Structures are given as structure tokens and as C-alpha cells.
Amino acid sequence: MSALLTGTPLVGRVAVVSGASSGMGAATAERLAELGATVVVLARRKDKLDNVVKNIESSGGTALALAVDVTDRAAVQTAADEVADRFGKADLVFNNAGVQLVSGIEELKVDDWQRQIDLNITGLMNVIAAFLPHLTTSAEQGKSSDLINTSSIAATRILEKFSIYSGTKAYISHLTRLLRVELGPKMVRVATIEPGMVDTELPDTSPTPMPPG
């Protein structure tokens, strides 16, 4: 097991975390700030984001909350422009926003299908489109540059009633592999995490909880 990072090795870096109002996004934002990064947190719920910023600032960190629906491409681009104006180009993007709505395929909950596709896929792509120029510019300047996408163990496991959610996460996992091929030579590191059962709000949105992984 690798040693836990200590100190402030991320001083000088600008990190953007989507889906940062709670759960893994909020915890990651606070950890990145603890390690020295300037952190920008994105999500729809401004009150929750403000709490994350308050926690970071009370510990001596620097953070900015931007209330953004990542399914709105123009709004995400505006956020990226604001980040550049306030702090310079982002060089670490944690693409974490997502939703889990589980149902049997024959239930035909097409609105739930679309919501997952819109947030888990389109929202993720909107963040990439807005912030990829930041990452490539940072890499060209010789800085560390990281794109991290949140997938799930559901991307590869066969789970009853998870067809749509699992499909969106499989997209993310394979996309990450493909992006690594394209962006690796440009010195942009691309990674994905595939968590199992995590104690966050995500399973609360689903009538069927995620099986432990």
C-alpha cells in the first residue's frame, strides 16, 4: 500500500471538481485543498457548495464555488472561463458528477434513462470540452496535468436492473482508455476510478441500492 500523501505537494495547482456538493466530490475537493491546491467546486446546489468552500477556507485553503448544471454546455464553458480569469488555467480536473437511477428495462422509465445519459455522459463530455484546453495548455507549459473521470464497478459487472446506469459507466471507462491514447503523448495524464459501494447520496436516488463491490 502506498503511503498517504502529506504536506502540500499540490501548491500552485488549480483543481476543478464537478459533482462537488456532497459525497466523493466534496471529500475529494477538501482533500485536494488540504494538499495545497486551489479548488473550484462545481454542482447545481450552491448552498451545499458553499459549505464545502467554508470547510476548505476554515482549514486555511482556497476555494471557489460555481453553481453549474454540467448538462448545460454553455454554463460549463462560462465556468471554465471564470476559472481562467480568477486563477489561471486548471491543471487538475476531477470529472465526478453523476446520477444512479436503477430500474428494470421493461419498466420503460425513459425519463430516468435520459437523465442518466444526460448527466453521466453528456455532462462529463461538457466538462472535458470546457477544460481540456486548460489541461493541454498546462501540459505544454511543463506543468502536471490530470483528467480523472469517475466510473463505477458497474461498468464491468452484470447487475440486474442496472442496464442504463452500467452502460453510462462503461462508456466512461472505455472513453478514459481512448483519451489516454490521445492525450498521453501530450503529457496529459488521464485516469478513471471505478468505486464499489460508497456511503454517499448516490444510492439514495435509486429504488434499488448498489450491491457492495
Protein backbone atom coordinates (compact mmCIF):
# COMPACT_ATOMS: atom_id res chain seq x y z
CA MET A 1 0.00 0.00 0.00
CA SER A 2 1.38 3.39 -0.95
CA ALA A 3 1.95 5.95 1.78
CA LEU A 4 -0.64 8.63 2.38
CA LEU A 5 0.40 11.96 0.91
CA THR A 6 1.38 14.55 3.46
CA GLY A 7 2.35 18.19 3.28
CA THR A 8 1.25 20.43 0.43
CA PRO A 9 2.56 18.90 -2.81
CA LEU A 10 -0.26 20.48 -4.84
CA VAL A 11 0.61 24.09 -4.06
CA GLY A 12 0.35 26.13 -7.26
CA ARG A 13 -2.13 23.77 -8.89
CA VAL A 14 -5.71 24.66 -9.81
CA ALA A 15 -8.16 21.79 -9.36
CA VAL A 16 -11.74 21.65 -10.63
CA VAL A 17 -14.16 19.13 -9.11
CA SER A 18 -17.60 18.53 -10.59
CA GLY A 19 -20.35 16.88 -8.58
CA ALA A 20 -18.69 18.51 -5.58
CA SER A 21 -21.72 19.34 -3.45
CA SER A 22 -21.56 16.07 -1.49
CA GLY A 23 -20.08 12.59 -1.33
CA MET A 24 -16.84 11.76 -3.10
CA GLY A 25 -16.75 15.11 -4.88
CA ALA A 26 -16.91 17.13 -1.67
CA ALA A 27 -14.44 14.85 0.12
CA THR A 28 -12.01 15.00 -2.80
CA ALA A 29 -12.25 18.79 -3.05
CA GLU A 30 -11.42 19.13 0.63
CA ARG A 31 -8.53 16.68 0.34
CA LEU A 32 -7.07 18.45 -2.70
CA ALA A 33 -7.23 21.76 -0.83
CA GLU A 34 -5.56 20.13 2.18
CA LEU A 35 -2.72 19.11 -0.14
CA GLY A 36 -2.33 22.72 -1.27
CA ALA A 37 -4.38 23.05 -4.45
CA THR A 38 -6.66 25.96 -5.19
CA VAL A 39 -10.01 24.23 -5.67
CA VAL A 40 -13.05 25.17 -7.74
CA VAL A 41 -16.17 23.19 -6.90
CA LEU A 42 -18.98 22.74 -9.42
CA ALA A 43 -22.52 21.47 -8.85
CA ARG A 44 -26.10 22.69 -9.03
CA ARG A 45 -26.67 23.10 -5.28
CA LYS A 46 -24.99 26.38 -4.32
CA ASP A 47 -25.79 26.03 -0.61
CA LYS A 48 -24.01 22.68 -0.47
CA LEU A 49 -21.05 24.04 -2.43
CA ASP A 50 -20.79 26.98 -0.05
CA ASN A 51 -20.47 24.53 2.84
CA VAL A 52 -17.62 22.76 1.06
CA VAL A 53 -15.87 26.09 0.48
CA LYS A 54 -16.42 27.05 4.11
CA ASN A 55 -14.79 23.81 5.25
CA ILE A 56 -11.82 24.39 2.97
CA GLU A 57 -11.34 28.01 3.96
CA SER A 58 -11.66 27.23 7.67
CA SER A 59 -8.68 24.91 7.23
CA GLY A 60 -6.64 27.61 5.51
CA GLY A 61 -7.32 26.57 1.91
CA THR A 62 -8.53 28.49 -1.12
CA ALA A 63 -11.73 27.54 -2.91
CA LEU A 64 -14.42 28.93 -5.17
CA ALA A 65 -17.99 27.65 -5.60
CA LEU A 66 -19.64 27.90 -9.00
CA ALA A 67 -23.25 26.74 -9.25
CA VAL A 68 -23.34 24.95 -12.60
CA ASP A 69 -25.51 22.29 -14.19
CA VAL A 70 -22.95 20.29 -16.14
CA THR A 71 -25.59 19.25 -18.68
CA ASP A 72 -25.62 22.91 -19.79
CA ARG A 73 -22.66 23.18 -22.15
CA ALA A 74 -22.64 26.98 -22.25
CA ALA A 75 -22.77 27.22 -18.46
CA VAL A 76 -19.81 24.86 -18.10
CA GLN A 77 -17.82 26.89 -20.61
CA THR A 78 -18.63 30.07 -18.71
CA ALA A 79 -17.36 28.40 -15.54
CA ALA A 80 -14.14 27.39 -17.29
CA ASP A 81 -13.63 30.97 -18.45
CA GLU A 82 -14.20 32.25 -14.91
CA VAL A 83 -11.67 29.79 -13.52
CA ALA A 84 -9.10 31.03 -16.04
CA ASP A 85 -9.83 34.66 -15.18
CA ARG A 86 -9.63 34.10 -11.42
CA PHE A 87 -6.84 31.57 -11.02
CA GLY A 88 -5.34 30.77 -14.43
CA LYS A 89 -5.75 27.50 -16.31
CA ALA A 90 -6.95 24.46 -14.38
CA ASP A 91 -4.40 21.64 -14.37
CA LEU A 92 -6.39 19.00 -12.48
CA VAL A 93 -9.98 18.11 -13.34
CA PHE A 94 -11.96 15.55 -11.36
CA ASN A 95 -14.95 14.78 -13.60
CA ASN A 96 -17.24 13.36 -10.95
CA ALA A 97 -20.87 14.45 -11.46
CA GLY A 98 -23.29 11.58 -11.91
CA VAL A 99 -26.64 10.05 -11.03
CA GLN A 100 -27.82 6.47 -10.46
CA LEU A 101 -31.45 5.61 -11.23
CA VAL A 102 -31.97 1.86 -11.24
CA SER A 103 -34.98 0.10 -12.77
CA GLY A 104 -35.86 -2.93 -14.84
CA ILE A 105 -35.66 -2.28 -18.56
CA GLU A 106 -39.27 -3.34 -19.10
CA GLU A 107 -40.45 -0.66 -16.71
CA LEU A 108 -39.63 1.78 -19.53
CA LYS A 109 -38.62 4.61 -17.24
CA VAL A 110 -37.35 6.54 -20.21
CA ASP A 111 -37.09 9.84 -18.34
CA ASP A 112 -34.73 8.18 -15.87
CA TRP A 113 -32.77 6.68 -18.75
CA GLN A 114 -32.36 10.09 -20.32
CA ARG A 115 -31.40 11.79 -17.06
CA GLN A 116 -28.57 9.32 -16.55
CA ILE A 117 -27.36 9.71 -20.12
CA ASP A 118 -27.57 13.50 -19.89
CA LEU A 119 -25.62 13.76 -16.65
CA ASN A 120 -23.30 10.76 -16.68
CA ILE A 121 -22.30 11.06 -20.34
CA THR A 122 -23.21 14.46 -21.76
CA GLY A 123 -22.31 16.26 -18.54
CA LEU A 124 -18.96 14.51 -18.42
CA MET A 125 -18.26 15.41 -22.04
CA ASN A 126 -19.21 19.05 -21.43
CA VAL A 127 -16.64 19.27 -18.64
CA ILE A 128 -14.00 17.71 -20.88
CA ALA A 129 -14.81 20.11 -23.73
CA ALA A 130 -14.59 23.17 -21.49
CA PHE A 131 -11.48 22.25 -19.52
CA LEU A 132 -9.39 20.20 -21.95
CA PRO A 133 -7.80 23.37 -23.40
CA HIS A 134 -6.76 24.25 -19.84
CA LEU A 135 -5.15 20.87 -19.36
CA THR A 136 -3.30 20.82 -22.67
CA THR A 137 -2.04 24.37 -22.15
CA SER A 138 -0.80 23.49 -18.67
CA ALA A 139 0.99 20.43 -20.05
CA GLU A 140 2.57 22.50 -22.83
CA GLN A 141 3.93 24.80 -20.13
CA GLY A 142 5.59 21.87 -18.44
CA LYS A 143 3.12 21.62 -15.57
CA SER A 144 1.48 18.47 -14.27
CA SER A 145 -1.89 17.98 -15.95
CA ASP A 146 -4.52 15.47 -14.87
CA LEU A 147 -8.01 14.45 -16.00
CA ILE A 148 -9.76 11.96 -13.70
CA ASN A 149 -13.18 10.53 -14.57
CA THR A 150 -15.49 8.77 -12.11
CA SER A 151 -16.82 5.47 -13.40
CA SER A 152 -18.04 2.52 -11.28
CA ILE A 153 -17.64 -1.21 -10.79
CA ALA A 154 -20.99 -1.29 -12.60
CA ALA A 155 -19.05 -0.59 -15.81
CA THR A 156 -17.93 -4.22 -15.95
CA ARG A 157 -20.25 -6.18 -13.64
CA ILE A 158 -23.54 -7.71 -14.72
CA LEU A 159 -26.07 -6.27 -12.28
CA GLU A 160 -29.81 -6.76 -12.62
CA LYS A 161 -31.74 -3.54 -13.29
CA PHE A 162 -28.56 -1.53 -13.78
CA SER A 163 -28.61 -1.61 -17.60
CA ILE A 164 -28.68 2.13 -18.27
CA TYR A 165 -26.50 3.21 -15.37
CA SER A 166 -23.96 0.49 -16.12
CA GLY A 167 -23.99 1.45 -19.78
CA THR A 168 -23.14 5.05 -18.96
CA LYS A 169 -20.31 3.97 -16.70
CA ALA A 170 -18.95 1.52 -19.29
CA TYR A 171 -18.86 4.47 -21.69
CA ILE A 172 -16.79 6.45 -19.19
CA SER A 173 -14.32 3.64 -18.54
CA HIS A 174 -13.69 2.96 -22.20
CA LEU A 175 -13.61 6.65 -23.08
CA THR A 176 -10.89 7.11 -20.49
CA ARG A 177 -8.76 4.39 -22.10
CA LEU A 178 -9.17 6.02 -25.51
CA LEU A 179 -8.40 9.51 -24.19
CA ARG A 180 -5.24 8.18 -22.60
CA VAL A 181 -4.03 7.14 -26.05
CA GLU A 182 -4.69 10.60 -27.48
CA LEU A 183 -3.67 12.78 -24.56
CA GLY A 184 -0.82 10.77 -23.08
CA PRO A 185 1.61 11.91 -25.80
CA LYS A 186 0.60 15.48 -24.97
CA MET A 187 1.60 14.83 -21.33
CA VAL A 188 -1.96 14.99 -20.01
CA ARG A 189 -2.48 12.13 -17.59
CA VAL A 190 -5.91 10.51 -17.89
CA ALA A 191 -7.32 8.17 -15.27
CA THR A 192 -10.59 6.69 -14.10
CA ILE A 193 -11.75 5.42 -10.75
CA GLU A 194 -14.31 2.62 -10.52
CA PRO A 195 -15.66 2.62 -6.95
CA GLY A 196 -17.91 -0.02 -5.47
CA MET A 197 -20.44 0.70 -2.76
CA VAL A 198 -19.70 4.11 -1.24
CA ASP A 199 -21.65 5.81 1.54
CA THR A 200 -22.86 8.82 -0.43
CA GLU A 201 -26.16 10.29 -1.61
CA LEU A 202 -25.92 8.42 -4.93
CA PRO A 203 -27.67 5.17 -3.92
CA ASP A 204 -30.36 7.26 -2.21
CA THR A 205 -31.56 8.34 -5.65
CA SER A 206 -32.20 4.75 -6.63
CA PRO A 207 -35.01 2.42 -5.52
CA THR A 208 -32.51 -0.46 -5.63
CA PRO A 209 -29.22 0.15 -3.77
CA MET A 210 -25.90 -0.64 -5.42
CA PRO A 211 -24.63 -4.09 -4.38
CA PRO A 212 -21.41 -3.99 -2.39
CA GLY A 213 -18.31 -4.27 -4.55
